[in-house]
């Protein structure tokens, strides 16, 4: 092999992973998979899966959603009539699947935006939104698995609460307490998702894994604190 051929081969980038390889790799080798996603960003396959799972979950758990709505509405307005509740529930049956389809991509767009702001503005790096959006979308595969595991458990327990968080240790009737909210933030799949997102953030900005994880978990803690603040204000 002459020097020209060697230089040409060295400049050829590795072949990107296939869709199935990426789905498996997010679970088995997240660091390498996220590096591949950052180098060759795509987002359509995981987004389709995320939207479909969100849609199915909204229909599958509709009775639990309606029961929670009924309980919360009666708590705020004890004088509400059954006829008014029936109208609200009819609207919820229509709006919940629509919101699942619409809000799922919006949520990932927002996550991508937060990552872009953090990396480009706060840390002074350079990355494209497409890269961060792809990173967010593929990390969502963890959330999809969480939904698939939690949905039948929620149905069996009759409560719309994750079975993989520390809140599982408390009785369902405590679901409006500050302690319950705090424990619900410490969820196995949430922590796993943040970690995978951290690998993606590191790949996008060529950061060390330690620095990237620190940044992402600070964001997670900050958002949990904000959520707790709102919970205390409107309890």
Protein backbone atom coordinates (compact mmCIF):
# COMPACT_ATOMS: atom_id res chain seq x y z
CA UNK A 1 0.00 0.00 0.00
CA UNK A 2 1.47 3.37 -0.97
CA UNK A 3 1.36 6.49 1.17
CA UNK A 4 -1.52 8.00 -0.83
CA UNK A 5 -3.70 4.94 -0.23
CA UNK A 6 -2.81 4.96 3.46
CA UNK A 7 -3.75 8.62 3.78
CA UNK A 8 -7.03 8.02 1.97
CA UNK A 9 -7.95 5.12 4.26
CA UNK A 10 -7.08 7.12 7.36
CA UNK A 11 -9.41 9.92 6.30
CA UNK A 12 -12.40 7.61 5.74
CA UNK A 13 -14.73 7.77 8.72
CA UNK A 14 -16.05 4.53 10.20
CA UNK A 15 -19.35 3.25 8.85
CA UNK A 16 -22.21 4.48 11.07
CA UNK A 17 -24.18 2.00 13.14
CA UNK A 18 -27.47 0.72 11.82
CA UNK A 19 -30.75 1.62 13.50
CA UNK A 20 -31.03 -1.73 15.28
CA UNK A 21 -27.40 -1.53 16.42
CA UNK A 22 -28.08 1.87 17.94
CA UNK A 23 -31.20 0.70 19.75
CA UNK A 24 -29.23 -2.15 21.32
CA UNK A 25 -26.12 -0.04 21.84
CA UNK A 26 -27.94 2.61 23.90
CA UNK A 27 -28.39 -0.10 26.53
CA UNK A 28 -25.23 -2.17 26.14
CA UNK A 29 -22.55 0.36 25.12
CA UNK A 30 -23.96 3.89 25.54
CA UNK A 31 -20.63 5.74 25.31
CA UNK A 32 -19.65 4.25 21.95
CA UNK A 33 -23.20 4.45 20.62
CA UNK A 34 -23.55 8.11 21.54
CA UNK A 35 -20.24 8.88 19.86
CA UNK A 36 -21.62 7.29 16.70
CA UNK A 37 -24.85 9.29 17.01
CA UNK A 38 -22.92 12.54 17.52
CA UNK A 39 -20.83 11.79 14.42
CA UNK A 40 -23.85 10.76 12.31
CA UNK A 41 -26.91 12.41 13.93
CA UNK A 42 -30.33 10.97 13.10
CA UNK A 43 -33.51 11.27 15.12
CA UNK A 44 -36.48 9.91 13.14
CA UNK A 45 -36.38 6.20 14.21
CA UNK A 46 -36.28 6.79 18.00
CA UNK A 47 -38.82 9.62 17.72
CA UNK A 48 -41.30 7.39 15.90
CA UNK A 49 -40.94 4.75 18.61
CA UNK A 50 -41.26 7.33 21.41
CA UNK A 51 -44.43 8.85 19.91
CA UNK A 52 -46.04 5.44 19.31
CA UNK A 53 -45.27 4.25 22.86
CA UNK A 54 -46.59 7.52 24.33
CA UNK A 55 -49.78 7.15 22.29
CA UNK A 56 -50.34 3.54 23.32
CA UNK A 57 -49.61 4.37 26.96
CA UNK A 58 -52.11 7.25 26.93
CA UNK A 59 -54.82 4.87 25.72
CA UNK A 60 -53.76 1.92 27.89
CA UNK A 61 -53.72 3.99 31.09
CA UNK A 62 -56.73 6.16 30.28
CA UNK A 63 -58.80 4.85 33.19
CA UNK A 64 -56.01 5.75 35.63
CA UNK A 65 -55.65 9.21 34.07
CA UNK A 66 -59.40 9.82 34.38
CA UNK A 67 -59.45 8.59 37.98
CA UNK A 68 -56.61 10.92 38.95
CA UNK A 69 -58.33 13.83 37.19
CA UNK A 70 -61.60 13.08 38.96
CA UNK A 71 -59.87 12.95 42.37
CA UNK A 72 -57.94 16.18 41.85
CA UNK A 73 -60.94 18.08 40.47
CA UNK A 74 -63.15 17.00 43.36
CA UNK A 75 -60.45 18.07 45.80
CA UNK A 76 -60.29 21.55 44.27
CA UNK A 77 -64.03 21.86 43.68
CA UNK A 78 -66.13 19.59 45.92
CA UNK A 79 -69.36 21.02 44.48
CA UNK A 80 -68.73 19.90 40.92
CA UNK A 81 -71.56 17.78 39.46
CA UNK A 82 -71.34 14.36 37.86
CA UNK A 83 -72.54 15.89 34.60
CA UNK A 84 -69.66 18.38 34.62
CA UNK A 85 -67.22 15.60 35.40
CA UNK A 86 -68.60 13.53 32.54
CA UNK A 87 -68.01 16.40 30.09
CA UNK A 88 -64.45 16.86 31.37
CA UNK A 89 -63.73 13.15 31.07
CA UNK A 90 -65.07 13.05 27.52
CA UNK A 91 -62.71 15.90 26.57
CA UNK A 92 -59.81 14.17 28.33
CA UNK A 93 -60.38 10.95 26.37
CA UNK A 94 -59.97 12.93 23.16
CA UNK A 95 -57.18 15.28 24.22
CA UNK A 96 -54.88 12.81 26.02
CA UNK A 97 -53.83 10.78 22.93
CA UNK A 98 -53.45 13.99 20.90
CA UNK A 99 -51.27 15.55 23.59
CA UNK A 100 -49.15 12.40 23.77
CA UNK A 101 -48.40 12.63 20.05
CA UNK A 102 -47.82 16.39 20.04
CA UNK A 103 -45.92 16.82 23.31
CA UNK A 104 -43.46 13.96 22.91
CA UNK A 105 -41.40 15.57 20.12
CA UNK A 106 -41.77 19.00 21.75
CA UNK A 107 -40.25 17.67 24.97
CA UNK A 108 -37.24 16.29 23.10
CA UNK A 109 -36.87 19.53 21.17
CA UNK A 110 -36.75 21.39 24.49
CA UNK A 111 -34.17 18.96 25.87
CA UNK A 112 -32.06 19.46 22.76
CA UNK A 113 -32.38 23.22 23.18
CA UNK A 114 -31.28 23.09 26.81
CA UNK A 115 -28.27 20.95 25.87
CA UNK A 116 -27.35 23.34 23.05
CA UNK A 117 -27.63 26.36 25.36
CA UNK A 118 -25.56 24.63 28.03
CA UNK A 119 -22.81 23.50 25.66
CA UNK A 120 -22.60 26.45 23.29
CA UNK A 121 -23.38 29.35 25.64
CA UNK A 122 -22.49 28.27 29.17
CA UNK A 123 -19.50 26.08 28.29
CA UNK A 124 -18.35 27.91 25.17
CA UNK A 125 -18.41 24.84 22.94
CA UNK A 126 -19.59 24.41 19.37
CA UNK A 127 -22.22 21.92 18.28
CA UNK A 128 -25.24 21.92 16.01
CA UNK A 129 -28.80 21.61 17.24
CA UNK A 130 -29.31 18.52 15.07
CA UNK A 131 -26.58 16.74 17.02
CA UNK A 132 -28.09 17.58 20.40
CA UNK A 133 -31.61 16.74 19.23
CA UNK A 134 -30.41 13.36 17.96
CA UNK A 135 -28.67 12.76 21.27
CA UNK A 136 -31.84 13.59 23.20
CA UNK A 137 -34.00 11.47 20.91
CA UNK A 138 -31.84 8.36 21.14
CA UNK A 139 -31.44 8.68 24.91
CA UNK A 140 -35.24 8.58 25.03
CA UNK A 141 -35.04 4.86 24.27
CA UNK A 142 -34.42 4.46 28.02
CA UNK A 143 -37.69 6.28 28.75
CA UNK A 144 -39.48 4.03 26.27
CA UNK A 145 -38.27 0.95 28.16
CA UNK A 146 -39.38 2.58 31.42
CA UNK A 147 -42.89 3.05 30.02
CA UNK A 148 -43.09 -0.53 28.75
CA UNK A 149 -42.09 -1.88 32.16
CA UNK A 150 -44.08 0.53 34.31
CA UNK A 151 -47.36 0.53 32.35
CA UNK A 152 -48.53 -2.99 33.31
CA UNK A 153 -47.37 -2.47 36.92
CA UNK A 154 -49.36 0.77 37.15
CA UNK A 155 -52.39 -0.99 35.73
CA UNK A 156 -52.08 -3.81 38.24
CA UNK A 157 -51.65 -1.42 41.19
CA UNK A 158 -54.34 0.95 39.97
CA UNK A 159 -52.13 4.03 40.39
CA UNK A 160 -50.46 6.32 37.89
CA UNK A 161 -47.08 6.24 39.63
CA UNK A 162 -43.74 4.79 38.62
CA UNK A 163 -42.84 1.47 40.20
CA UNK A 164 -39.11 2.08 39.76
CA UNK A 165 -38.75 5.17 41.95
CA UNK A 166 -38.25 5.41 45.70
CA UNK A 167 -41.82 6.75 45.93
CA UNK A 168 -42.86 3.12 45.45
CA UNK A 169 -41.99 2.69 49.15
CA UNK A 170 -44.80 5.04 50.20
CA UNK A 171 -48.54 4.30 50.05
CA UNK A 172 -50.34 5.66 46.93
CA UNK A 173 -52.53 7.94 49.05
CA UNK A 174 -49.43 9.99 49.92
CA UNK A 175 -48.91 10.98 46.27
CA UNK A 176 -49.59 14.67 46.95
CA UNK A 177 -47.03 15.06 49.74
CA UNK A 178 -43.65 16.80 49.29
CA UNK A 179 -41.81 13.65 50.42
CA UNK A 180 -43.58 11.60 47.77
CA UNK A 181 -42.57 14.07 45.06
CA UNK A 182 -38.94 14.10 46.19
CA UNK A 183 -38.74 10.32 46.24
CA UNK A 184 -40.44 10.09 42.85
CA UNK A 185 -37.53 12.04 41.33
CA UNK A 186 -35.10 9.31 42.38
CA UNK A 187 -36.10 6.84 39.72
CA UNK A 188 -33.92 4.06 38.32
CA UNK A 189 -34.83 4.82 34.71
CA UNK A 190 -34.55 8.59 35.16
CA UNK A 191 -31.01 8.26 36.50
CA UNK A 192 -30.16 5.82 33.71
CA UNK A 193 -31.59 8.23 31.11
CA UNK A 194 -29.58 11.17 32.50
CA UNK A 195 -26.42 9.06 32.40
CA UNK A 196 -26.98 8.07 28.75
CA UNK A 197 -27.73 11.69 27.91
CA UNK A 198 -24.46 12.55 29.64
CA UNK A 199 -22.54 10.24 27.30
CA UNK A 200 -24.22 11.94 24.36
CA UNK A 201 -23.40 15.41 25.67
CA UNK A 202 -19.77 14.37 26.15
CA UNK A 203 -19.61 13.06 22.59
CA UNK A 204 -21.19 16.18 21.09
CA UNK A 205 -18.78 18.55 22.83
CA UNK A 206 -15.76 16.25 23.22
CA UNK A 207 -15.89 16.57 27.00
CA UNK A 208 -14.68 14.10 29.58
CA UNK A 209 -17.35 11.75 30.82
CA UNK A 210 -16.90 13.08 34.35
CA UNK A 211 -17.48 16.71 33.35
CA UNK A 212 -20.44 15.86 31.16
CA UNK A 213 -22.12 13.74 33.85
CA UNK A 214 -21.59 16.49 36.41
CA UNK A 215 -23.27 19.05 34.16
CA UNK A 216 -26.23 16.81 33.32
CA UNK A 217 -26.88 15.71 36.89
CA UNK A 218 -26.72 19.34 38.06
CA UNK A 219 -29.42 20.11 35.49
CA UNK A 220 -31.48 17.15 36.73
CA UNK A 221 -31.16 18.27 40.36
CA UNK A 222 -32.04 21.88 39.42
CA UNK A 223 -35.17 20.82 37.55
CA UNK A 224 -36.20 18.55 40.43
CA UNK A 225 -35.77 21.48 42.83
CA UNK A 226 -37.90 23.74 40.62
CA UNK A 227 -40.57 21.06 40.41
CA UNK A 228 -40.51 20.67 44.17
CA UNK A 229 -40.90 24.44 44.57
CA UNK A 230 -43.98 24.48 42.35
CA UNK A 231 -45.35 21.47 44.23
CA UNK A 232 -45.04 23.36 47.51
CA UNK A 233 -46.64 26.49 46.05
CA UNK A 234 -49.69 24.75 44.61
CA UNK A 235 -50.24 21.90 47.04
